[in-house]
């Protein structure tokens, strides 16, 4: 046991999170606990606030199961626990070098090494719907994620005499940081349990981790000694509105604002300690604004598109029986969204046609979307506009259509999907899944993209591209609950019948999902 306690990681390039976990494992192992070293390590990785826990989010039950089944194949072969640990660290170092510019081994690399060396864990994650092979690709942080540069030596600047006394400053920072972390946790729990959104949950957890890093380097551990809850006048005054939360959305929005206010307070008062770290807090606050927009957009879109399952793209040329008859007949058979895709029509003619489609869809409260043209969408009172990757940005379209009009974005990769979500898209097109007659593509993300999106986000999205009656079950099997189609209905001998069949299968999928 002494051999293990010699800290084999002392000279390695490790993050503070890895060192913290390895030290805790060391302490527990020295107490001669019954579980294996490998189980101890996994337990610490999953329960600790670290980057590994943002990579894979598991329930307490799943963590218990994975710990029970955890086996370390080389543990029996290792001459000592030191050798076992060094093997793990070597694998983690290699992963860090491959996927990190700095080459610093973090908890996420440690977890990936453990998965790679343990077939039992690999199998368990696959059974839970997690693809271990794809996890390494998730190490890249989203564009809105702040990179915290941790300095080896951190000097807190002395508080200026006469500005504010140390006890007061620390009380402000302590109360605000507690309120901030609590607010983020409430928002994170809503995103996790109400929205079931992995992307937003991961983004919030990453932000909370970065905030903790900054607070630690500002000397947070010193603040608690100045806490005086008993004589805090703020605890004695509570508004009636603060004691009532009628819905979960009220809870969400109250804590979104609580977090923003607290971040601003911490940022302002921390300038007296270290301006550089105050700037880091400013960036964290901006990140939270972006996450808030994505959360609110997701909530709004899920409500507005709750019953939208079958999305039909139409052109005059694609409709065997004419545009009007096709639209009118299929919306009575189950089409929930109609998009007009006329790329080459002059504006005046396109406005007249769009106005007609608007009137047909309005009769049945069917959503109407205009492709590419936010100006025409506004002119005819459409419900939304759909943008491709080469069209104007979501922000530019939003300036034209305002806040109430839906904006959809075509995406062909997880990276594009994540960008669109944080840009404020209300829904996504996901594909192309298969080749189609509507649009030509050289690359097809295929069913893998559909499957990945089903795990990634809960914002409404429609699988699109070559989906016909035979392929629909394959798409639904990969997790899609909404599809967008064109020729399979528009050019069918019986468009109404095909639409009804699609709508029935999608409704059945939705019913099964809601019961699970």
Protein backbone atom coordinates (compact mmCIF):
# COMPACT_ATOMS: atom_id res chain seq x y z
CA UNK A 1 0.00 0.00 0.00
CA UNK A 2 2.91 2.33 0.67
CA UNK A 3 4.03 1.84 -2.91
CA UNK A 4 0.73 3.23 -4.09
CA UNK A 5 0.97 6.20 -1.72
CA UNK A 6 4.19 7.43 -3.34
CA UNK A 7 2.14 9.56 -5.78
CA UNK A 8 3.15 8.11 -9.16
CA UNK A 9 1.50 11.09 -10.83
CA UNK A 10 3.73 13.70 -9.14
CA UNK A 11 5.76 14.52 -12.27
CA UNK A 12 2.96 14.21 -14.83
CA UNK A 13 1.11 16.94 -16.71
CA UNK A 14 -2.27 16.59 -15.01
CA UNK A 15 -5.17 18.95 -14.30
CA UNK A 16 -6.06 19.77 -10.72
CA UNK A 17 -9.21 17.69 -11.12
CA UNK A 18 -7.22 14.54 -11.90
CA UNK A 19 -4.87 15.13 -8.98
CA UNK A 20 -7.80 15.74 -6.66
CA UNK A 21 -9.46 12.48 -7.65
CA UNK A 22 -6.28 10.42 -7.48
CA UNK A 23 -5.57 11.80 -4.01
CA UNK A 24 -9.05 10.89 -2.81
CA UNK A 25 -8.66 7.40 -4.24
CA UNK A 26 -5.32 7.11 -2.48
CA UNK A 27 -6.81 8.14 0.86
CA UNK A 28 -9.71 5.70 0.50
CA UNK A 29 -7.38 2.88 -0.54
CA UNK A 30 -5.17 3.47 2.48
CA UNK A 31 -8.24 2.84 4.63
CA UNK A 32 -8.40 -0.65 3.11
CA UNK A 33 -11.93 -0.40 1.76
CA UNK A 34 -13.41 -3.55 0.26
CA UNK A 35 -14.02 -2.33 -3.29
CA UNK A 36 -11.31 -2.43 -5.93
CA UNK A 37 -9.08 0.46 -6.86
CA UNK A 38 -10.77 0.64 -10.25
CA UNK A 39 -14.22 0.95 -8.65
CA UNK A 40 -12.96 3.70 -6.38
CA UNK A 41 -11.60 5.63 -9.33
CA UNK A 42 -14.81 5.32 -11.35
CA UNK A 43 -16.89 6.38 -8.37
CA UNK A 44 -14.82 9.54 -7.93
CA UNK A 45 -14.94 10.36 -11.64
CA UNK A 46 -18.73 10.15 -11.77
CA UNK A 47 -19.57 12.00 -8.54
CA UNK A 48 -16.94 14.74 -8.75
CA UNK A 49 -17.66 18.08 -10.46
CA UNK A 50 -15.28 17.63 -13.38
CA UNK A 51 -15.04 17.44 -17.14
CA UNK A 52 -15.50 13.67 -17.10
CA UNK A 53 -18.96 14.08 -15.61
CA UNK A 54 -19.86 16.48 -18.44
CA UNK A 55 -18.78 13.87 -20.98
CA UNK A 56 -21.09 11.16 -19.63
CA UNK A 57 -24.11 11.97 -17.47
CA UNK A 58 -25.55 8.90 -15.70
CA UNK A 59 -28.23 8.45 -13.08
CA UNK A 60 -27.34 7.27 -9.58
CA UNK A 61 -28.79 3.85 -10.45
CA UNK A 62 -26.64 3.60 -13.58
CA UNK A 63 -23.53 4.60 -11.64
CA UNK A 64 -24.28 1.91 -9.05
CA UNK A 65 -24.72 -0.68 -11.80
CA UNK A 66 -21.54 0.24 -13.61
CA UNK A 67 -19.56 0.10 -10.37
CA UNK A 68 -20.93 -3.36 -9.57
CA UNK A 69 -19.94 -4.69 -13.00
CA UNK A 70 -16.65 -2.79 -13.29
CA UNK A 71 -13.77 -5.08 -14.05
CA UNK A 72 -10.20 -4.17 -14.76
CA UNK A 73 -8.71 -6.74 -17.16
CA UNK A 74 -5.08 -5.94 -16.44
CA UNK A 75 -5.46 -5.65 -12.66
CA UNK A 76 -4.68 -9.31 -12.12
CA UNK A 77 -1.64 -9.04 -14.37
CA UNK A 78 -0.24 -5.93 -12.70
CA UNK A 79 2.56 -6.53 -10.26
CA UNK A 80 1.28 -3.74 -8.05
CA UNK A 81 -1.43 -1.12 -7.83
CA UNK A 82 1.21 1.46 -8.76
CA UNK A 83 1.74 -0.35 -12.06
CA UNK A 84 -2.01 -0.49 -12.57
CA UNK A 85 -2.34 3.23 -12.06
CA UNK A 86 0.61 4.04 -14.30
CA UNK A 87 -0.96 1.98 -17.09
CA UNK A 88 -4.16 3.96 -16.80
CA UNK A 89 -2.31 7.27 -16.79
CA UNK A 90 -0.25 6.33 -19.86
CA UNK A 91 -3.45 5.62 -21.79
CA UNK A 92 -5.00 8.85 -20.54
CA UNK A 93 -1.88 10.82 -21.53
CA UNK A 94 -2.05 9.40 -25.05
CA UNK A 95 -5.72 10.43 -25.40
CA UNK A 96 -4.93 13.91 -24.07
CA UNK A 97 -2.12 14.37 -26.60
CA UNK A 98 -4.42 13.28 -29.46
CA UNK A 99 -7.37 15.47 -28.50
CA UNK A 100 -5.91 18.44 -26.63
CA UNK A 101 -3.62 21.17 -27.94
CA UNK A 102 -2.07 21.58 -24.51
CA UNK A 103 -1.63 17.85 -23.95
CA UNK A 104 -2.72 18.19 -20.31
CA UNK A 105 -4.40 15.05 -19.01
CA UNK A 106 -7.83 15.80 -17.58
CA UNK A 107 -10.57 13.76 -15.94
CA UNK A 108 -12.29 13.30 -19.30
CA UNK A 109 -9.15 11.64 -20.70
CA UNK A 110 -8.89 9.49 -17.58
CA UNK A 111 -12.47 8.29 -18.07
CA UNK A 112 -11.93 7.53 -21.75
CA UNK A 113 -8.84 5.51 -20.83
CA UNK A 114 -10.82 3.51 -18.27
CA UNK A 115 -13.54 2.80 -20.84
CA UNK A 116 -11.01 1.73 -23.44
CA UNK A 117 -9.30 -0.67 -21.06
CA UNK A 118 -12.47 -2.22 -19.62
CA UNK A 119 -14.75 -4.26 -21.95
CA UNK A 120 -17.36 -4.45 -19.16
CA UNK A 121 -17.75 -0.67 -19.01
CA UNK A 122 -17.77 -0.41 -22.79
CA UNK A 123 -20.61 -2.94 -22.98
CA UNK A 124 -22.58 -1.23 -20.22
CA UNK A 125 -22.41 2.19 -21.92
CA UNK A 126 -23.55 0.72 -25.24
CA UNK A 127 -26.54 -0.80 -23.44
CA UNK A 128 -27.31 2.66 -22.01
CA UNK A 129 -27.37 4.15 -25.51
CA UNK A 130 -23.93 5.77 -25.25
CA UNK A 131 -21.46 5.19 -28.09
CA UNK A 132 -18.02 5.03 -26.44
CA UNK A 133 -16.28 5.46 -29.79
CA UNK A 134 -17.95 8.85 -30.32
CA UNK A 135 -17.05 10.28 -26.92
CA UNK A 136 -13.57 11.40 -27.97
CA UNK A 137 -15.15 13.61 -30.63
CA UNK A 138 -17.09 15.42 -27.93
CA UNK A 139 -13.94 16.67 -26.22
CA UNK A 140 -14.02 19.71 -28.48
CA UNK A 141 -15.77 22.46 -26.57
CA UNK A 142 -18.59 24.47 -28.20
CA UNK A 143 -17.66 27.89 -29.54
CA UNK A 144 -19.40 29.61 -26.64
CA UNK A 145 -17.39 27.71 -24.03
CA UNK A 146 -14.83 29.72 -22.11
CA UNK A 147 -11.33 28.31 -21.88
CA UNK A 148 -10.07 28.95 -18.35
CA UNK A 149 -6.31 29.45 -18.18
CA UNK A 150 -5.21 28.24 -14.77
CA UNK A 151 -2.03 29.92 -13.61
CA UNK A 152 0.46 28.07 -11.49
CA UNK A 153 0.93 31.03 -9.15
CA UNK A 154 -2.01 33.23 -8.31
CA UNK A 155 -1.63 36.42 -6.32
CA UNK A 156 -4.67 38.13 -4.86
CA UNK A 157 -4.27 41.87 -4.97
CA UNK A 158 -4.67 43.50 -1.53
CA UNK A 159 -7.98 45.25 -1.02
CA UNK A 160 -7.62 49.02 -1.21
CA UNK A 161 -8.00 50.69 2.18
CA UNK A 162 -11.08 52.88 2.31
CA UNK A 163 -12.79 51.16 -0.62
CA UNK A 164 -14.38 48.29 1.29
CA UNK A 165 -13.20 46.22 4.21
CA UNK A 166 -12.16 42.62 3.63
CA UNK A 167 -14.96 41.09 5.71
CA UNK A 168 -17.63 42.97 3.77
CA UNK A 169 -16.08 42.09 0.43
CA UNK A 170 -15.86 38.42 1.32
CA UNK A 171 -19.45 38.37 2.62
CA UNK A 172 -20.68 39.79 -0.68
CA UNK A 173 -18.67 37.33 -2.75
CA UNK A 174 -19.64 34.38 -0.55
CA UNK A 175 -23.38 35.11 -0.66
CA UNK A 176 -23.39 35.86 -4.39
CA UNK A 177 -21.34 32.80 -5.36
CA UNK A 178 -23.64 30.55 -3.31
CA UNK A 179 -26.71 32.11 -4.89
CA UNK A 180 -25.16 31.81 -8.35
CA UNK A 181 -24.22 28.14 -8.09
CA UNK A 182 -27.62 27.32 -6.59
CA UNK A 183 -29.35 29.12 -9.45
CA UNK A 184 -27.32 27.27 -12.09
CA UNK A 185 -28.08 23.96 -10.39
CA UNK A 186 -31.84 24.65 -10.46
CA UNK A 187 -31.67 25.56 -14.15
CA UNK A 188 -29.55 22.49 -14.84
CA UNK A 189 -32.05 20.24 -13.07
CA UNK A 190 -34.91 21.67 -15.15
CA UNK A 191 -32.95 21.13 -18.37
CA UNK A 192 -32.00 17.62 -17.29
CA UNK A 193 -35.34 16.36 -15.98
CA UNK A 194 -37.98 18.53 -17.72
CA UNK A 195 -36.34 18.99 -21.12
CA UNK A 196 -34.15 15.85 -21.08
CA UNK A 197 -31.67 17.87 -23.11
CA UNK A 198 -28.13 16.51 -23.11
CA UNK A 199 -26.50 19.42 -24.97
CA UNK A 200 -27.89 22.12 -22.70
CA UNK A 201 -27.28 20.05 -19.58
CA UNK A 202 -23.67 19.50 -20.60
CA UNK A 203 -23.23 23.20 -21.38
CA UNK A 204 -24.56 24.21 -17.96
CA UNK A 205 -22.40 21.67 -16.17
CA UNK A 206 -19.33 22.88 -18.07
CA UNK A 207 -20.15 26.48 -17.17
CA UNK A 208 -20.62 25.56 -13.51
CA UNK A 209 -17.25 23.79 -13.56
CA UNK A 210 -15.52 26.85 -15.05
CA UNK A 211 -17.21 29.13 -12.53
CA UNK A 212 -15.97 26.93 -9.68
CA UNK A 213 -12.46 27.11 -11.11
CA UNK A 214 -12.50 30.92 -11.14
CA UNK A 215 -14.00 31.14 -7.64
CA UNK A 216 -11.34 28.79 -6.29
CA UNK A 217 -8.57 30.94 -7.72
CA UNK A 218 -10.20 34.03 -6.24
CA UNK A 219 -9.78 32.43 -2.82
CA UNK A 220 -13.34 31.23 -2.20
CA UNK A 221 -12.27 29.05 0.71
CA UNK A 222 -11.41 32.21 2.69
CA UNK A 223 -14.87 33.75 2.31
CA UNK A 224 -16.80 31.32 4.52
CA UNK A 225 -15.10 32.56 7.68
CA UNK A 226 -16.68 35.99 7.12
CA UNK A 227 -20.19 34.60 6.61
CA UNK A 228 -22.77 35.94 9.10
CA UNK A 229 -26.10 34.43 8.15
CA UNK A 230 -27.74 35.08 11.54
CA UNK A 231 -27.29 38.88 11.30
CA UNK A 232 -27.73 39.14 7.52
CA UNK A 233 -30.59 41.62 7.04
CA UNK A 234 -31.30 40.14 3.62
CA UNK A 235 -32.52 36.88 5.16
CA UNK A 236 -35.19 38.72 7.15
CA UNK A 237 -37.00 40.32 4.21
CA UNK A 238 -38.81 38.13 1.68
CA UNK A 239 -41.23 39.36 -0.98
CA UNK A 240 -44.45 37.46 -1.47
CA UNK A 241 -43.53 36.75 -5.09
CA UNK A 242 -40.43 34.90 -3.91
CA UNK A 243 -42.51 32.36 -1.97
CA UNK A 244 -44.78 31.43 -4.89
CA UNK A 245 -43.88 29.42 -7.98
CA UNK A 246 -47.02 28.27 -9.79
CA UNK A 247 -45.27 26.28 -12.53
CA UNK A 248 -41.90 24.70 -13.24
CA UNK A 249 -41.35 27.40 -15.85
CA UNK A 250 -41.69 30.01 -13.10
CA UNK A 251 -38.96 28.19 -11.19
CA UNK A 252 -36.76 28.06 -14.29
CA UNK A 253 -37.10 31.73 -15.16
CA UNK A 254 -36.64 32.95 -11.59
CA UNK A 255 -33.37 31.05 -11.36
CA UNK A 256 -32.16 32.16 -14.77
CA UNK A 257 -32.42 35.75 -13.55
CA UNK A 258 -31.01 34.93 -10.12
CA UNK A 259 -27.93 33.47 -11.77
CA UNK A 260 -27.40 36.46 -14.05
CA UNK A 261 -27.71 38.93 -11.18
CA UNK A 262 -25.32 36.94 -9.00
CA UNK A 263 -22.75 36.64 -11.77
CA UNK A 264 -22.78 40.40 -12.22
CA UNK A 265 -22.28 40.98 -8.49
CA UNK A 266 -19.37 38.55 -8.32
CA UNK A 267 -17.82 40.07 -11.42
CA UNK A 268 -18.00 43.64 -10.10
CA UNK A 269 -16.73 42.97 -6.59
CA UNK A 270 -14.00 40.58 -7.73
CA UNK A 271 -12.35 43.47 -9.57
CA UNK A 272 -10.92 44.47 -6.18
CA UNK A 273 -9.15 41.12 -5.94
CA UNK A 274 -8.00 40.49 -9.49
CA UNK A 275 -9.19 42.27 -12.66
CA UNK A 276 -8.07 39.42 -14.92
CA UNK A 277 -10.27 36.88 -13.20
CA UNK A 278 -13.10 39.39 -13.19
CA UNK A 279 -12.84 39.38 -16.98
CA UNK A 280 -13.14 35.59 -16.93
CA UNK A 281 -16.34 36.00 -14.92
CA UNK A 282 -17.59 38.46 -17.52
CA UNK A 283 -17.12 35.83 -20.22
CA UNK A 284 -18.92 33.25 -18.09
CA UNK A 285 -21.82 35.70 -17.74
CA UNK A 286 -21.97 36.15 -21.52
CA UNK A 287 -21.94 32.38 -21.95
CA UNK A 288 -24.85 32.09 -19.56
CA UNK A 289 -26.82 34.64 -21.59
CA UNK A 290 -26.35 32.43 -24.64
CA UNK A 291 -27.40 29.31 -22.75
CA UNK A 292 -30.45 31.14 -21.39
CA UNK A 293 -31.51 32.01 -24.94
CA UNK A 294 -31.11 28.39 -26.01
CA UNK A 295 -33.11 27.13 -23.01
CA UNK A 296 -35.94 29.61 -23.54
CA UNK A 297 -36.01 28.88 -27.28
CA UNK A 298 -36.13 25.15 -26.59
CA UNK A 299 -39.04 25.58 -24.14
CA UNK A 300 -40.96 27.82 -26.54
CA UNK A 301 -40.34 25.60 -29.57
CA UNK A 302 -41.33 22.40 -27.77
CA UNK A 303 -44.64 24.00 -26.84
CA UNK A 304 -45.35 25.48 -30.26
CA UNK A 305 -44.23 22.39 -32.21
CA UNK A 306 -45.51 19.82 -29.72
CA UNK A 307 -47.94 18.28 -32.24
CA UNK A 308 -45.87 18.90 -35.37
CA UNK A 309 -44.70 15.50 -36.62
CA UNK A 310 -45.13 15.42 -40.39
CA UNK A 311 -43.50 18.25 -42.37
CA UNK A 312 -44.24 18.53 -46.11
CA UNK A 313 -42.04 20.49 -48.53
CA UNK A 314 -43.91 21.52 -51.67
CA UNK A 315 -43.21 23.12 -55.04
CA UNK A 316 -45.58 23.63 -57.92
CA UNK A 317 -43.61 21.24 -60.12
CA UNK A 318 -43.41 18.43 -57.54
CA UNK A 319 -47.17 18.08 -57.01
CA UNK A 320 -48.73 15.52 -59.33
CA UNK A 321 -52.25 16.88 -58.78
CA UNK A 322 -51.35 20.53 -58.42
CA UNK A 323 -50.20 22.54 -55.45
CA UNK A 324 -53.59 23.51 -54.03
CA UNK A 325 -55.13 20.05 -54.14
CA UNK A 326 -51.99 18.46 -52.68
CA UNK A 327 -51.77 20.93 -49.79
CA UNK A 328 -55.48 20.90 -48.98
CA UNK A 329 -55.79 17.11 -49.12
CA UNK A 330 -52.66 16.24 -47.19
CA UNK A 331 -53.21 18.65 -44.30
CA UNK A 332 -56.55 16.96 -43.68
CA UNK A 333 -54.72 13.61 -43.73
CA UNK A 334 -52.14 14.52 -41.08
CA UNK A 335 -49.54 16.96 -42.47
CA UNK A 336 -48.70 19.38 -39.64
CA UNK A 337 -46.24 21.74 -41.37
CA UNK A 338 -46.11 22.91 -44.99
CA UNK A 339 -43.01 24.56 -46.43
CA UNK A 340 -43.12 26.37 -49.77
CA UNK A 341 -39.86 25.86 -51.68
CA UNK A 342 -39.84 27.96 -54.83
CA UNK A 343 -36.25 28.99 -55.50
CA UNK A 344 -36.49 30.76 -58.86
CA UNK A 345 -39.84 32.56 -58.82
CA UNK A 346 -39.84 36.38 -59.04
CA UNK A 347 -40.84 38.13 -55.83
CA UNK A 348 -44.27 39.35 -56.88
CA UNK A 349 -45.34 35.95 -58.15
CA UNK A 350 -43.85 34.22 -55.09
CA UNK A 351 -45.71 36.54 -52.70
CA UNK A 352 -49.02 35.81 -54.43
CA UNK A 353 -48.42 32.05 -54.25
CA UNK A 354 -47.25 32.18 -50.64
CA UNK A 355 -50.35 34.17 -49.68
CA UNK A 356 -52.51 31.43 -51.21
CA UNK A 357 -50.70 28.65 -49.35
CA UNK A 358 -51.05 30.72 -46.18
CA UNK A 359 -54.82 30.85 -46.62
CA UNK A 360 -55.08 27.08 -47.26
CA UNK A 361 -53.03 26.16 -44.21
CA UNK A 362 -54.75 28.71 -41.97
CA UNK A 363 -58.09 26.99 -42.51
CA UNK A 364 -56.81 24.00 -40.53
CA UNK A 365 -54.33 25.77 -38.20
CA UNK A 366 -51.47 24.09 -40.04
CA UNK A 367 -48.06 25.73 -39.71
CA UNK A 368 -46.78 27.43 -42.86
CA UNK A 369 -43.06 27.96 -43.52
CA UNK A 370 -41.39 29.88 -46.35
CA UNK A 371 -38.03 28.61 -47.55
CA UNK A 372 -35.07 31.03 -47.56
CA UNK A 373 -37.10 34.27 -47.61
CA UNK A 374 -37.81 35.88 -44.21
CA UNK A 375 -39.11 39.02 -45.93
CA UNK A 376 -41.80 37.09 -47.79
CA UNK A 377 -42.61 35.08 -44.68
CA UNK A 378 -43.40 38.35 -42.89
CA UNK A 379 -45.27 39.77 -45.88
CA UNK A 380 -47.77 36.90 -46.03
CA UNK A 381 -48.03 36.23 -42.30
CA UNK A 382 -46.28 32.85 -42.42
CA UNK A 383 -45.51 30.99 -39.20
CA UNK A 384 -41.83 30.66 -40.00
CA UNK A 385 -38.88 30.73 -42.35
CA UNK A 386 -36.41 27.95 -43.07
CA UNK A 387 -32.71 28.61 -43.67
CA UNK A 388 -29.98 26.50 -45.24
CA UNK A 389 -26.33 26.49 -44.29
CA UNK A 390 -25.54 28.92 -47.12
CA UNK A 391 -28.40 31.32 -46.35
CA UNK A 392 -28.38 34.30 -44.00
CA UNK A 393 -27.69 33.70 -40.33
CA UNK A 394 -30.34 33.12 -37.68
CA UNK A 395 -29.51 36.51 -36.14
CA UNK A 396 -29.98 38.31 -39.48
CA UNK A 397 -33.27 36.52 -40.12
CA UNK A 398 -34.46 37.32 -36.60
CA UNK A 399 -33.97 41.04 -37.28
CA UNK A 400 -36.43 40.70 -40.17
CA UNK A 401 -39.07 38.34 -38.77
CA UNK A 402 -39.04 39.36 -35.10
CA UNK A 403 -39.49 37.12 -32.08
CA UNK A 404 -42.75 35.33 -32.88
CA UNK A 405 -41.86 33.78 -36.25
CA UNK A 406 -40.25 30.34 -36.19
CA UNK A 407 -36.78 29.97 -37.69
CA UNK A 408 -35.67 26.54 -38.86
CA UNK A 409 -32.15 25.61 -39.94
CA UNK A 410 -30.91 22.71 -42.08
CA UNK A 411 -28.04 20.88 -40.41
CA UNK A 412 -25.76 18.13 -41.68
CA UNK A 413 -23.57 17.50 -38.61
CA UNK A 414 -23.67 17.72 -34.83
CA UNK A 415 -21.41 20.77 -34.98
CA UNK A 416 -23.86 22.60 -37.25
CA UNK A 417 -26.77 21.54 -35.04
CA UNK A 418 -25.09 22.84 -31.88
CA UNK A 419 -24.25 26.13 -33.59
CA UNK A 420 -27.84 26.56 -34.79
CA UNK A 421 -29.23 25.85 -31.32
CA UNK A 422 -27.05 28.45 -29.61
CA UNK A 423 -27.74 30.89 -32.44
CA UNK A 424 -31.43 30.66 -31.53
CA UNK A 425 -32.99 28.30 -34.10
CA UNK A 426 -36.48 27.13 -33.16
CA UNK A 427 -36.20 23.79 -34.94
CA UNK A 428 -33.73 21.88 -37.11
CA UNK A 429 -33.74 19.87 -40.27
CA UNK A 430 -31.49 16.83 -39.77
CA UNK A 431 -30.06 15.10 -42.80
CA UNK A 432 -29.91 14.18 -45.51
CA UNK A 433 -30.64 10.71 -44.23
CA UNK A 434 -30.86 9.04 -47.64
CA UNK A 435 -30.51 10.22 -51.24
CA UNK A 436 -33.57 11.96 -52.63
CA UNK A 437 -34.96 13.54 -55.78
CA UNK A 438 -35.44 16.92 -54.10
CA UNK A 439 -31.84 17.90 -53.46
CA UNK A 440 -28.42 16.61 -54.48
CA UNK A 441 -25.74 15.84 -51.88
CA UNK A 442 -22.35 14.20 -52.19
CA UNK A 443 -22.19 13.23 -48.50
CA UNK A 444 -24.97 11.74 -46.40
CA UNK A 445 -24.79 11.94 -42.59
CA UNK A 446 -27.34 9.14 -42.67
CA UNK A 447 -28.93 7.28 -39.80
CA UNK A 448 -25.88 7.82 -37.58
CA UNK A 449 -26.63 11.54 -37.54
CA UNK A 450 -30.28 10.85 -36.70
CA UNK A 451 -29.23 8.60 -33.83
CA UNK A 452 -26.74 11.16 -32.53
CA UNK A 453 -29.32 13.94 -32.62
CA UNK A 454 -31.80 11.82 -30.68
CA UNK A 455 -29.27 11.69 -27.85
CA UNK A 456 -27.98 15.25 -28.19
CA UNK A 457 -30.94 17.61 -27.93
CA UNK A 458 -34.63 17.91 -27.19
CA UNK A 459 -35.23 20.92 -29.44
CA UNK A 460 -37.72 19.94 -32.19
CA UNK A 461 -35.97 18.50 -35.23
CA UNK A 462 -37.12 16.75 -38.39
CA UNK A 463 -35.21 13.95 -40.10
CA UNK A 464 -35.12 14.70 -43.82
CA UNK A 465 -33.81 13.25 -47.07
CA UNK A 466 -35.13 10.30 -49.06
CA UNK A 467 -37.47 9.05 -46.31
CA UNK A 468 -40.17 6.87 -47.88
CA UNK A 469 -42.66 4.37 -46.47
CA UNK A 470 -40.06 1.59 -46.30
CA UNK A 471 -37.36 3.75 -44.71
CA UNK A 472 -39.60 5.47 -42.17
CA UNK A 473 -39.35 2.60 -39.60
CA UNK A 474 -35.54 2.76 -39.83
CA UNK A 475 -35.57 6.47 -39.04
CA UNK A 476 -38.00 6.03 -36.15
CA UNK A 477 -35.91 3.18 -34.79
CA UNK A 478 -32.91 5.54 -34.53
CA UNK A 479 -34.85 7.96 -32.33
CA UNK A 480 -36.54 10.38 -34.74
CA UNK A 481 -40.10 11.39 -33.89
CA UNK A 482 -40.54 13.97 -36.68
CA UNK A 483 -39.82 13.72 -40.42
CA UNK A 484 -39.82 16.08 -43.38
CA UNK A 485 -40.72 14.68 -46.81
CA UNK A 486 -41.57 15.89 -50.28
CA UNK A 487 -41.83 13.71 -53.40
CA UNK A 488 -42.93 10.58 -51.53
CA UNK A 489 -46.22 12.41 -50.89
CA UNK A 490 -46.39 15.13 -53.57
CA UNK A 491 -45.69 12.78 -56.47
CA UNK A 492 -47.59 9.76 -55.15
CA UNK A 493 -50.64 8.35 -56.97
CA UNK A 494 -52.55 8.82 -53.70
CA UNK A 495 -50.92 11.65 -51.72
CA UNK A 496 -53.63 11.69 -49.06
CA UNK A 497 -53.17 7.98 -48.34
CA UNK A 498 -49.38 8.24 -48.06
CA UNK A 499 -49.69 11.26 -45.77
CA UNK A 500 -52.17 9.42 -43.56
CA UNK A 501 -49.86 6.42 -43.28
CA UNK A 502 -46.88 8.61 -42.32
CA UNK A 503 -48.99 10.52 -39.79
CA UNK A 504 -50.29 7.30 -38.23
CA UNK A 505 -46.82 5.82 -37.77
CA UNK A 506 -45.45 9.07 -36.35
CA UNK A 507 -48.37 9.35 -33.92
CA UNK A 508 -47.76 5.78 -32.81
CA UNK A 509 -44.07 6.56 -32.23
CA UNK A 510 -45.01 9.64 -30.21
CA UNK A 511 -47.46 7.67 -28.11
CA UNK A 512 -44.91 4.96 -27.30
CA UNK A 513 -42.25 7.57 -26.40
CA UNK A 514 -44.59 9.39 -24.02
CA UNK A 515 -45.40 6.16 -22.20
CA UNK A 516 -41.75 5.23 -21.63
